[in-house]
Amino acid sequence: MNIKPEVQIFPLRLLSEERARNLLDTLSKVDGVTKMEYKGFNSKDKEDFRVGWIWIEMESDEERIIDGIKEICNEILPFGYDIKTGRFTKYKATTADYLRGLVKEE
């Protein structure tokens, strides 16, 4: 199984839906990005959705891909962010997924 590396972006402020959409649209154009996920929160009045984490799966952990991601983040997130490379999201079903009935056996 080929496990692809990821980059985790943790903005130092919660992102508005508009800024997050702009960031994700721009990051999707980086050569080598294969998948993106994010985690966020609804506001107390359920009017706004704010994004707090972004995970980007890459073909490889080549510096050119990571540098392209950092360049975009520097432009769209001027208030700062933390970035880490590793594996942060599930890449295969777990035993718990089978027990919860989330995976159908063939």
PDB file of N, CA and C in Angstrom:
ATOM      1  N   MET A   1       0.845  -1.176   0.000  1.00  0.00           N
ATOM      2  CA  MET A   1       0.000   0.000   0.000  1.00  0.00           C
ATOM      3  C   MET A   1       0.892   1.242   0.000  1.00  0.00           C
ATOM      4  N   ASN A   2       0.603   2.147  -0.897  1.00  0.00           N
ATOM      5  CA  ASN A   2       1.365   3.390  -1.005  1.00  0.00           C
ATOM      6  C   ASN A   2       0.699   4.457  -0.141  1.00  0.00           C
ATOM      7  N   ILE A   3       1.303   4.779   0.998  1.00  0.00           N
ATOM      8  CA  ILE A   3       0.755   5.784   1.910  1.00  0.00           C
ATOM      9  C   ILE A   3       1.353   7.137   1.528  1.00  0.00           C
ATOM     10  N   LYS A   4       0.488   8.063   1.140  1.00  0.00           N
ATOM     11  CA  LYS A   4       0.947   9.363   0.686  1.00  0.00           C
ATOM     12  C   LYS A   4       1.135  10.316   1.871  1.00  0.00           C
ATOM     13  N   PRO A   5       2.140  11.176   1.805  1.00  0.00           N
ATOM     14  CA  PRO A   5       2.353  12.142   2.891  1.00  0.00           C
ATOM     15  C   PRO A   5       1.308  13.252   2.851  1.00  0.00           C
ATOM     16  N   GLU A   6       1.161  13.911   3.986  1.00  0.00           N
ATOM     17  CA  GLU A   6       0.232  15.033   4.096  1.00  0.00           C
ATOM     18  C   GLU A   6       0.931  16.230   4.727  1.00  0.00           C
ATOM     19  N   VAL A   7       0.338  17.375   4.495  1.00  0.00           N
ATOM     20  CA  VAL A   7       0.722  18.606   5.171  1.00  0.00           C
ATOM     21  C   VAL A   7      -0.491  19.036   5.981  1.00  0.00           C
ATOM     22  N   GLN A   8      -0.267  19.381   7.249  1.00  0.00           N
ATOM     23  CA  GLN A   8      -1.333  19.926   8.092  1.00  0.00           C
ATOM     24  C   GLN A   8      -1.096  21.418   8.248  1.00  0.00           C
ATOM     25  N   ILE A   9      -2.104  22.210   7.908  1.00  0.00           N
ATOM     26  CA  ILE A   9      -2.028  23.662   8.069  1.00  0.00           C
ATOM     27  C   ILE A   9      -2.960  24.042   9.209  1.00  0.00           C
ATOM     28  N   PHE A  10      -2.404  24.730  10.188  1.00  0.00           N
ATOM     29  CA  PHE A  10      -3.167  25.179  11.345  1.00  0.00           C
ATOM     30  C   PHE A  10      -3.066  26.707  11.391  1.00  0.00           C
ATOM     31  N   PRO A  11      -4.070  27.413  10.823  1.00  0.00           N
ATOM     32  CA  PRO A  11      -4.042  28.880  10.840  1.00  0.00           C
ATOM     33  C   PRO A  11      -4.086  29.399  12.284  1.00  0.00           C
ATOM     34  N   LEU A  12      -3.436  30.515  12.536  1.00  0.00           N
ATOM     35  CA  LEU A  12      -3.422  31.090  13.876  1.00  0.00           C
ATOM     36  C   LEU A  12      -4.723  31.809  14.208  1.00  0.00           C
ATOM     37  N   ARG A  13      -5.623  31.888  13.238  1.00  0.00           N
ATOM     38  CA  ARG A  13      -6.991  32.380  13.444  1.00  0.00           C
ATOM     39  C   ARG A  13      -7.939  31.453  12.701  1.00  0.00           C
ATOM     40  N   LEU A  14      -9.176  31.353  13.194  1.00  0.00           N
ATOM     41  CA  LEU A  14     -10.177  30.598  12.448  1.00  0.00           C
ATOM     42  C   LEU A  14     -10.452  31.319  11.136  1.00  0.00           C
ATOM     43  N   LEU A  15     -10.593  30.555  10.061  1.00  0.00           N
ATOM     44  CA  LEU A  15     -10.810  31.133   8.734  1.00  0.00           C
ATOM     45  C   LEU A  15     -12.293  31.252   8.434  1.00  0.00           C
ATOM     46  N   SER A  16     -12.665  32.349   7.818  1.00  0.00           N
ATOM     47  CA  SER A  16     -14.035  32.482   7.330  1.00  0.00           C
ATOM     48  C   SER A  16     -14.219  31.499   6.180  1.00  0.00           C
ATOM     49  N   GLU A  17     -15.448  31.191   5.908  1.00  0.00           N
ATOM     50  CA  GLU A  17     -15.742  30.251   4.825  1.00  0.00           C
ATOM     51  C   GLU A  17     -15.201  30.775   3.486  1.00  0.00           C
ATOM     52  N   GLU A  18     -15.314  32.071   3.279  1.00  0.00           N
ATOM     53  CA  GLU A  18     -14.834  32.673   2.031  1.00  0.00           C
ATOM     54  C   GLU A  18     -13.310  32.551   1.901  1.00  0.00           C
ATOM     55  N   ARG A  19     -12.577  32.881   2.966  1.00  0.00           N
ATOM     56  CA  ARG A  19     -11.115  32.803   2.920  1.00  0.00           C
ATOM     57  C   ARG A  19     -10.674  31.346   2.773  1.00  0.00           C
ATOM     58  N   ALA A  20     -11.348  30.430   3.480  1.00  0.00           N
ATOM     59  CA  ALA A  20     -10.999  29.012   3.382  1.00  0.00           C
ATOM     60  C   ALA A  20     -11.240  28.487   1.970  1.00  0.00           C
ATOM     61  N   ARG A  21     -12.359  28.875   1.374  1.00  0.00           N
ATOM     62  CA  ARG A  21     -12.657  28.445   0.002  1.00  0.00           C
ATOM     63  C   ARG A  21     -11.600  28.972  -0.969  1.00  0.00           C
ATOM     64  N   ASN A  22     -11.201  30.227  -0.801  1.00  0.00           N
ATOM     65  CA  ASN A  22     -10.158  30.822  -1.639  1.00  0.00           C
ATOM     66  C   ASN A  22      -8.841  30.058  -1.467  1.00  0.00           C
ATOM     67  N   LEU A  23      -8.491  29.747  -0.214  1.00  0.00           N
ATOM     68  CA  LEU A  23      -7.258  29.007   0.060  1.00  0.00           C
ATOM     69  C   LEU A  23      -7.299  27.625  -0.583  1.00  0.00           C
ATOM     70  N   LEU A  24      -8.391  26.903  -0.390  1.00  0.00           N
ATOM     71  CA  LEU A  24      -8.504  25.551  -0.944  1.00  0.00           C
ATOM     72  C   LEU A  24      -8.496  25.559  -2.471  1.00  0.00           C
ATOM     73  N   ASP A  25      -9.193  26.527  -3.079  1.00  0.00           N
ATOM     74  CA  ASP A  25      -9.201  26.619  -4.542  1.00  0.00           C
ATOM     75  C   ASP A  25      -7.797  26.870  -5.078  1.00  0.00           C
ATOM     76  N   THR A  26      -7.055  27.746  -4.410  1.00  0.00           N
ATOM     77  CA  THR A  26      -5.704  28.073  -4.849  1.00  0.00           C
ATOM     78  C   THR A  26      -4.751  26.898  -4.621  1.00  0.00           C
ATOM     79  N   LEU A  27      -4.861  26.231  -3.469  1.00  0.00           N
ATOM     80  CA  LEU A  27      -3.997  25.088  -3.168  1.00  0.00           C
ATOM     81  C   LEU A  27      -4.253  23.915  -4.112  1.00  0.00           C
ATOM     82  N   SER A  28      -5.478  23.764  -4.590  1.00  0.00           N
ATOM     83  CA  SER A  28      -5.798  22.645  -5.481  1.00  0.00           C
ATOM     84  C   SER A  28      -5.050  22.749  -6.811  1.00  0.00           C
ATOM     85  N   LYS A  29      -4.540  23.925  -7.125  1.00  0.00           N
ATOM     86  CA  LYS A  29      -3.809  24.133  -8.383  1.00  0.00           C
ATOM     87  C   LYS A  29      -2.327  23.792  -8.276  1.00  0.00           C
ATOM     88  N   VAL A  30      -1.850  23.510  -7.050  1.00  0.00           N
ATOM     89  CA  VAL A  30      -0.437  23.151  -6.864  1.00  0.00           C
ATOM     90  C   VAL A  30      -0.208  21.757  -7.428  1.00  0.00           C
ATOM     91  N   ASP A  31       0.777  21.630  -8.306  1.00  0.00           N
ATOM     92  CA  ASP A  31       1.104  20.340  -8.902  1.00  0.00           C
ATOM     93  C   ASP A  31       1.615  19.403  -7.811  1.00  0.00           C
ATOM     94  N   GLY A  32       0.981  18.259  -7.662  1.00  0.00           N
ATOM     95  CA  GLY A  32       1.386  17.286  -6.657  1.00  0.00           C
ATOM     96  C   GLY A  32       0.388  17.139  -5.529  1.00  0.00           C
ATOM     97  N   VAL A  33      -0.590  18.055  -5.435  1.00  0.00           N
ATOM     98  CA  VAL A  33      -1.642  17.951  -4.427  1.00  0.00           C
ATOM     99  C   VAL A  33      -2.692  16.976  -4.944  1.00  0.00           C
ATOM    100  N   THR A  34      -3.017  15.941  -4.135  1.00  0.00           N
ATOM    101  CA  THR A  34      -3.962  14.929  -4.592  1.00  0.00           C
ATOM    102  C   THR A  34      -5.306  14.982  -3.881  1.00  0.00           C
ATOM    103  N   LYS A  35      -5.339  15.490  -2.641  1.00  0.00           N
ATOM    104  CA  LYS A  35      -6.588  15.488  -1.881  1.00  0.00           C
ATOM    105  C   LYS A  35      -6.488  16.532  -0.774  1.00  0.00           C
ATOM    106  N   MET A  36      -7.642  17.138  -0.420  1.00  0.00           N
ATOM    107  CA  MET A  36      -7.670  18.113   0.668  1.00  0.00           C
ATOM    108  C   MET A  36      -8.876  17.849   1.559  1.00  0.00           C
ATOM    109  N   GLU A  37      -8.684  18.028   2.863  1.00  0.00           N
ATOM    110  CA  GLU A  37      -9.766  17.922   3.841  1.00  0.00           C
ATOM    111  C   GLU A  37      -9.614  19.074   4.816  1.00  0.00           C
ATOM    112  N   TYR A  38     -10.698  19.396   5.505  1.00  0.00           N
ATOM    113  CA  TYR A  38     -10.627  20.463   6.504  1.00  0.00           C
ATOM    114  C   TYR A  38     -11.565  20.149   7.655  1.00  0.00           C
ATOM    115  N   LYS A  39     -11.318  20.805   8.761  1.00  0.00           N
ATOM    116  CA  LYS A  39     -12.145  20.658   9.959  1.00  0.00           C
ATOM    117  C   LYS A  39     -12.484  22.051  10.443  1.00  0.00           C
ATOM    118  N   GLY A  40     -13.737  22.257  10.819  1.00  0.00           N
ATOM    119  CA  GLY A  40     -14.160  23.570  11.266  1.00  0.00           C
ATOM    120  C   GLY A  40     -15.267  23.507  12.288  1.00  0.00           C
ATOM    121  N   PHE A  41     -15.817  24.666  12.580  1.00  0.00           N
ATOM    122  CA  PHE A  41     -16.810  24.812  13.629  1.00  0.00           C
ATOM    123  C   PHE A  41     -17.919  25.742  13.175  1.00  0.00           C
ATOM    124  N   ASN A  42     -19.142  25.467  13.611  1.00  0.00           N
ATOM    125  CA  ASN A  42     -20.242  26.399  13.424  1.00  0.00           C
ATOM    126  C   ASN A  42     -20.203  27.422  14.555  1.00  0.00           C
ATOM    127  N   SER A  43     -20.605  28.649  14.250  1.00  0.00           N
ATOM    128  CA  SER A  43     -20.691  29.659  15.294  1.00  0.00           C
ATOM    129  C   SER A  43     -21.867  29.336  16.214  1.00  0.00           C
ATOM    130  N   LYS A  44     -21.938  30.025  17.345  1.00  0.00           N
ATOM    131  CA  LYS A  44     -22.999  29.753  18.311  1.00  0.00           C
ATOM    132  C   LYS A  44     -24.391  29.930  17.713  1.00  0.00           C
ATOM    133  N   ASP A  45     -24.542  30.923  16.838  1.00  0.00           N
ATOM    134  CA  ASP A  45     -25.853  31.170  16.228  1.00  0.00           C
ATOM    135  C   ASP A  45     -26.065  30.363  14.942  1.00  0.00           C
ATOM    136  N   LYS A  46     -25.128  29.488  14.626  1.00  0.00           N
ATOM    137  CA  LYS A  46     -25.200  28.607  13.446  1.00  0.00           C
ATOM    138  C   LYS A  46     -25.216  29.373  12.123  1.00  0.00           C
ATOM    139  N   GLU A  47     -24.832  30.650  12.169  1.00  0.00           N
ATOM    140  CA  GLU A  47     -24.824  31.482  10.961  1.00  0.00           C
ATOM    141  C   GLU A  47     -23.527  31.321  10.173  1.00  0.00           C
ATOM    142  N   ASP A  48     -22.409  31.207  10.877  1.00  0.00           N
ATOM    143  CA  ASP A  48     -21.100  31.165  10.226  1.00  0.00           C
ATOM    144  C   ASP A  48     -20.437  29.810  10.440  1.00  0.00           C
ATOM    145  N   PHE A  49     -19.632  29.426   9.475  1.00  0.00           N
ATOM    146  CA  PHE A  49     -18.791  28.238   9.606  1.00  0.00           C
ATOM    147  C   PHE A  49     -17.360  28.715   9.539  1.00  0.00           C
ATOM    148  N   ARG A  50     -16.536  28.298  10.474  1.00  0.00           N
ATOM    149  CA  ARG A  50     -15.131  28.691  10.534  1.00  0.00           C
ATOM    150  C   ARG A  50     -14.244  27.461  10.411  1.00  0.00           C
ATOM    151  N   VAL A  51     -13.186  27.586   9.624  1.00  0.00           N
ATOM    152  CA  VAL A  51     -12.254  26.482   9.388  1.00  0.00           C
ATOM    153  C   VAL A  51     -11.047  26.655  10.300  1.00  0.00           C
ATOM    154  N   GLY A  52     -10.646  25.556  10.967  1.00  0.00           N
ATOM    155  CA  GLY A  52      -9.523  25.600  11.892  1.00  0.00           C
ATOM    156  C   GLY A  52      -8.312  24.787  11.462  1.00  0.00           C
ATOM    157  N   TRP A  53      -8.512  23.694  10.708  1.00  0.00           N
ATOM    158  CA  TRP A  53      -7.419  22.847  10.250  1.00  0.00           C
ATOM    159  C   TRP A  53      -7.634  22.487   8.795  1.00  0.00           C
ATOM    160  N   ILE A  54      -6.539  22.336   8.075  1.00  0.00           N
ATOM    161  CA  ILE A  54      -6.591  21.888   6.684  1.00  0.00           C
ATOM    162  C   ILE A  54      -5.530  20.815   6.513  1.00  0.00           C
ATOM    163  N   TRP A  55      -5.914  19.691   5.888  1.00  0.00           N
ATOM    164  CA  TRP A  55      -4.972  18.621   5.590  1.00  0.00           C
ATOM    165  C   TRP A  55      -4.884  18.476   4.077  1.00  0.00           C
ATOM    166  N   ILE A  56      -3.662  18.413   3.579  1.00  0.00           N
ATOM    167  CA  ILE A  56      -3.426  18.294   2.143  1.00  0.00           C
ATOM    168  C   ILE A  56      -2.598  17.051   1.884  1.00  0.00           C
ATOM    169  N   GLU A  57      -3.168  16.114   1.125  1.00  0.00           N
ATOM    170  CA  GLU A  57      -2.427  14.917   0.732  1.00  0.00           C
ATOM    171  C   GLU A  57      -1.636  15.239  -0.528  1.00  0.00           C
ATOM    172  N   MET A  58      -0.393  14.750  -0.577  1.00  0.00           N
ATOM    173  CA  MET A  58       0.499  15.035  -1.698  1.00  0.00           C
ATOM    174  C   MET A  58       0.992  13.736  -2.331  1.00  0.00           C
ATOM    175  N   GLU A  59       1.405  13.809  -3.578  1.00  0.00           N
ATOM    176  CA  GLU A  59       1.982  12.653  -4.260  1.00  0.00           C
ATOM    177  C   GLU A  59       3.258  12.207  -3.558  1.00  0.00           C
ATOM    178  N   SER A  60       4.051  13.171  -3.112  1.00  0.00           N
ATOM    179  CA  SER A  60       5.302  12.897  -2.408  1.00  0.00           C
ATOM    180  C   SER A  60       5.609  14.100  -1.517  1.00  0.00           C
ATOM    181  N   ASP A  61       6.640  13.964  -0.699  1.00  0.00           N
ATOM    182  CA  ASP A  61       6.992  15.079   0.176  1.00  0.00           C
ATOM    183  C   ASP A  61       8.144  15.917  -0.408  1.00  0.00           C
ATOM    184  N   GLU A  62       8.127  16.083  -1.717  1.00  0.00           N
ATOM    185  CA  GLU A  62       9.144  16.890  -2.386  1.00  0.00           C
ATOM    186  C   GLU A  62       9.058  18.340  -1.922  1.00  0.00           C
ATOM    187  N   GLU A  63      10.200  18.963  -1.810  1.00  0.00           N
ATOM    188  CA  GLU A  63      10.264  20.357  -1.347  1.00  0.00           C
ATOM    189  C   GLU A  63       9.497  21.307  -2.266  1.00  0.00           C
ATOM    190  N   ARG A  64       9.472  21.025  -3.554  1.00  0.00           N
ATOM    191  CA  ARG A  64       8.792  21.935  -4.488  1.00  0.00           C
ATOM    192  C   ARG A  64       7.291  22.005  -4.184  1.00  0.00           C
ATOM    193  N   ILE A  65       6.690  20.881  -3.788  1.00  0.00           N
ATOM    194  CA  ILE A  65       5.263  20.869  -3.463  1.00  0.00           C
ATOM    195  C   ILE A  65       5.023  21.637  -2.171  1.00  0.00           C
ATOM    196  N   ILE A  66       5.826  21.348  -1.156  1.00  0.00           N
ATOM    197  CA  ILE A  66       5.682  22.014   0.137  1.00  0.00           C
ATOM    198  C   ILE A  66       5.956  23.509   0.008  1.00  0.00           C
ATOM    199  N   ASP A  67       6.963  23.877  -0.780  1.00  0.00           N
ATOM    200  CA  ASP A  67       7.261  25.296  -0.998  1.00  0.00           C
ATOM    201  C   ASP A  67       6.102  26.006  -1.695  1.00  0.00           C
ATOM    202  N   GLY A  68       5.452  25.326  -2.656  1.00  0.00           N
ATOM    203  CA  GLY A  68       4.295  25.903  -3.334  1.00  0.00           C
ATOM    204  C   GLY A  68       3.141  26.132  -2.374  1.00  0.00           C
ATOM    205  N   ILE A  69       2.932  25.182  -1.454  1.00  0.00           N
ATOM    206  CA  ILE A  69       1.878  25.313  -0.450  1.00  0.00           C
ATOM    207  C   ILE A  69       2.189  26.469   0.491  1.00  0.00           C
ATOM    208  N   LYS A  70       3.436  26.560   0.953  1.00  0.00           N
ATOM    209  CA  LYS A  70       3.838  27.634   1.869  1.00  0.00           C
ATOM    210  C   LYS A  70       3.700  29.012   1.211  1.00  0.00           C
ATOM    211  N   GLU A  71       4.054  29.100  -0.056  1.00  0.00           N
ATOM    212  CA  GLU A  71       3.953  30.375  -0.778  1.00  0.00           C
ATOM    213  C   GLU A  71       2.505  30.870  -0.805  1.00  0.00           C
ATOM    214  N   ILE A  72       1.578  29.974  -1.077  1.00  0.00           N
ATOM    215  CA  ILE A  72       0.157  30.328  -1.112  1.00  0.00           C
ATOM    216  C   ILE A  72      -0.331  30.706   0.287  1.00  0.00           C
ATOM    217  N   CYS A  73       0.067  29.932   1.297  1.00  0.00           N
ATOM    218  CA  CYS A  73      -0.340  30.221   2.676  1.00  0.00           C
ATOM    219  C   CYS A  73       0.191  31.579   3.137  1.00  0.00           C
ATOM    220  N   ASN A  74       1.423  31.913   2.755  1.00  0.00           N
ATOM    221  CA  ASN A  74       1.989  33.214   3.130  1.00  0.00           C
ATOM    222  C   ASN A  74       1.167  34.363   2.552  1.00  0.00           C
ATOM    223  N   GLU A  75       0.625  34.146   1.360  1.00  0.00           N
ATOM    224  CA  GLU A  75      -0.161  35.183   0.695  1.00  0.00           C
ATOM    225  C   GLU A  75      -1.571  35.294   1.289  1.00  0.00           C
ATOM    226  N   ILE A  76      -2.236  34.155   1.516  1.00  0.00           N
ATOM    227  CA  ILE A  76      -3.646  34.164   1.919  1.00  0.00           C
ATOM    228  C   ILE A  76      -3.818  34.211   3.441  1.00  0.00           C
ATOM    229  N   LEU A  77      -2.797  33.785   4.188  1.00  0.00           N
ATOM    230  CA  LEU A  77      -2.869  33.765   5.650  1.00  0.00           C
ATOM    231  C   LEU A  77      -1.803  34.691   6.248  1.00  0.00           C
ATOM    232  N   PRO A  78      -1.929  36.015   6.048  1.00  0.00           N
ATOM    233  CA  PRO A  78      -0.879  36.939   6.507  1.00  0.00           C
ATOM    234  C   PRO A  78      -0.751  37.006   8.027  1.00  0.00           C
ATOM    235  N   PHE A  79      -1.747  36.522   8.765  1.00  0.00           N
ATOM    236  CA  PHE A  79      -1.725  36.545  10.225  1.00  0.00           C
ATOM    237  C   PHE A  79      -0.946  35.376  10.802  1.00  0.00           C
ATOM    238  N   GLY A  80      -0.512  34.441   9.964  1.00  0.00           N
ATOM    239  CA  GLY A  80       0.335  33.340  10.390  1.00  0.00           C
ATOM    240  C   GLY A  80      -0.366  31.995  10.423  1.00  0.00           C
ATOM    241  N   TYR A  81       0.432  30.960  10.456  1.00  0.00           N
ATOM    242  CA  TYR A  81      -0.047  29.580  10.462  1.00  0.00           C
ATOM    243  C   TYR A  81       1.104  28.676  10.878  1.00  0.00           C
ATOM    244  N   ASP A  82       0.769  27.492  11.360  1.00  0.00           N
ATOM    245  CA  ASP A  82       1.752  26.442  11.608  1.00  0.00           C
ATOM    246  C   ASP A  82       1.558  25.392  10.532  1.00  0.00           C
ATOM    247  N   ILE A  83       2.651  24.775  10.113  1.00  0.00           N
ATOM    248  CA  ILE A  83       2.566  23.746   9.085  1.00  0.00           C
ATOM    249  C   ILE A  83       3.451  22.570   9.500  1.00  0.00           C
ATOM    250  N   LYS A  84       2.924  21.361   9.323  1.00  0.00           N
ATOM    251  CA  LYS A  84       3.656  20.132   9.647  1.00  0.00           C
ATOM    252  C   LYS A  84       3.491  19.147   8.510  1.00  0.00           C
ATOM    253  N   THR A  85       4.483  18.293   8.332  1.00  0.00           N
ATOM    254  CA  THR A  85       4.418  17.225   7.341  1.00  0.00           C
ATOM    255  C   THR A  85       4.332  15.896   8.076  1.00  0.00           C
ATOM    256  N   GLY A  86       3.503  14.998   7.587  1.00  0.00           N
ATOM    257  CA  GLY A  86       3.326  13.679   8.210  1.00  0.00           C
ATOM    258  C   GLY A  86       2.106  13.007   7.625  1.00  0.00           C
ATOM    259  N   ARG A  87       1.413  12.234   8.453  1.00  0.00           N
ATOM    260  CA  ARG A  87       0.142  11.618   8.048  1.00  0.00           C
ATOM    261  C   ARG A  87      -0.856  11.900   9.165  1.00  0.00           C
ATOM    262  N   PHE A  88      -1.945  12.620   8.855  1.00  0.00           N
ATOM    263  CA  PHE A  88      -2.874  13.119   9.860  1.00  0.00           C
ATOM    264  C   PHE A  88      -4.287  12.571   9.733  1.00  0.00           C
ATOM    265  N   THR A  89      -4.661  12.049   8.590  1.00  0.00           N
ATOM    266  CA  THR A  89      -6.005  11.518   8.382  1.00  0.00           C
ATOM    267  C   THR A  89      -5.914  10.021   8.085  1.00  0.00           C
ATOM    268  N   LYS A  90      -7.052   9.328   8.249  1.00  0.00           N
ATOM    269  CA  LYS A  90      -7.084   7.890   7.980  1.00  0.00           C
ATOM    270  C   LYS A  90      -6.888   7.632   6.490  1.00  0.00           C
ATOM    271  N   TYR A  91      -6.168   6.591   6.184  1.00  0.00           N
ATOM    272  CA  TYR A  91      -5.981   6.217   4.787  1.00  0.00           C
ATOM    273  C   TYR A  91      -6.551   4.828   4.484  1.00  0.00           C
ATOM    274  N   LYS A  92      -7.042   4.144   5.529  1.00  0.00           N
ATOM    275  CA  LYS A  92      -7.719   2.869   5.320  1.00  0.00           C
ATOM    276  C   LYS A  92      -8.715   2.670   6.454  1.00  0.00           C
ATOM    277  N   ALA A  93      -9.662   1.773   6.245  1.00  0.00           N
ATOM    278  CA  ALA A  93     -10.687   1.501   7.248  1.00  0.00           C
ATOM    279  C   ALA A  93     -10.065   0.858   8.480  1.00  0.00           C
ATOM    280  N   THR A  94     -10.593   1.230   9.655  1.00  0.00           N
ATOM    281  CA  THR A  94     -10.127   0.660  10.915  1.00  0.00           C
ATOM    282  C   THR A  94     -11.089  -0.422  11.386  1.00  0.00           C
ATOM    283  N   THR A  95     -10.685  -1.165  12.401  1.00  0.00           N
ATOM    284  CA  THR A  95     -11.550  -2.181  12.989  1.00  0.00           C
ATOM    285  C   THR A  95     -12.839  -1.534  13.495  1.00  0.00           C
ATOM    286  N   ALA A  96     -12.720  -0.366  14.119  1.00  0.00           N
ATOM    287  CA  ALA A  96     -13.897   0.345  14.621  1.00  0.00           C
ATOM    288  C   ALA A  96     -14.863   0.688  13.487  1.00  0.00           C
ATOM    289  N   ASP A  97     -14.347   1.024  12.310  1.00  0.00           N
ATOM    290  CA  ASP A  97     -15.211   1.318  11.158  1.00  0.00           C
ATOM    291  C   ASP A  97     -16.037   0.093  10.783  1.00  0.00           C
ATOM    292  N   TYR A  98     -15.417  -1.090  10.815  1.00  0.00           N
ATOM    293  CA  TYR A  98     -16.143  -2.327  10.509  1.00  0.00           C
ATOM    294  C   TYR A  98     -17.199  -2.598  11.575  1.00  0.00           C
ATOM    295  N   LEU A  99     -16.854  -2.412  12.858  1.00  0.00           N
ATOM    296  CA  LEU A  99     -17.796  -2.668  13.943  1.00  0.00           C
ATOM    297  C   LEU A  99     -18.994  -1.714  13.914  1.00  0.00           C
ATOM    298  N   ARG A 100     -18.763  -0.484  13.480  1.00  0.00           N
ATOM    299  CA  ARG A 100     -19.850   0.500  13.390  1.00  0.00           C
ATOM    300  C   ARG A 100     -20.689   0.336  12.141  1.00  0.00           C
ATOM    301  N   GLY A 101     -20.288  -0.549  11.244  1.00  0.00           N
ATOM    302  CA  GLY A 101     -21.032  -0.771  10.011  1.00  0.00           C
ATOM    303  C   GLY A 101     -20.765   0.274   8.950  1.00  0.00           C
ATOM    304  N   LEU A 102     -19.648   0.985   9.077  1.00  0.00           N
ATOM    305  CA  LEU A 102     -19.323   2.035   8.114  1.00  0.00           C
ATOM    306  C   LEU A 102     -18.685   1.467   6.836  1.00  0.00           C
ATOM    307  N   VAL A 103     -18.261   0.206   6.905  1.00  0.00           N
ATOM    308  CA  VAL A 103     -17.615  -0.425   5.757  1.00  0.00           C
ATOM    309  C   VAL A 103     -18.412  -1.676   5.405  1.00  0.00           C
ATOM    310  N   LYS A 104     -18.735  -1.807   4.136  1.00  0.00           N
ATOM    311  CA  LYS A 104     -19.461  -2.985   3.681  1.00  0.00           C
ATOM    312  C   LYS A 104     -18.457  -3.996   3.134  1.00  0.00           C
ATOM    313  N   GLU A 105     -18.512  -5.202   3.662  1.00  0.00           N
ATOM    314  CA  GLU A 105     -17.626  -6.243   3.190  1.00  0.00           C
ATOM    315  C   GLU A 105     -18.154  -6.800   1.874  1.00  0.00           C
ATOM    316  N   GLU A 106     -17.250  -7.075   0.979  1.00  0.00           N
ATOM    317  CA  GLU A 106     -17.643  -7.592  -0.344  1.00  0.00           C
ATOM    318  C   GLU A 106     -17.533  -9.080  -0.396  1.00  0.00           C
TER     319      GLU A 106
END
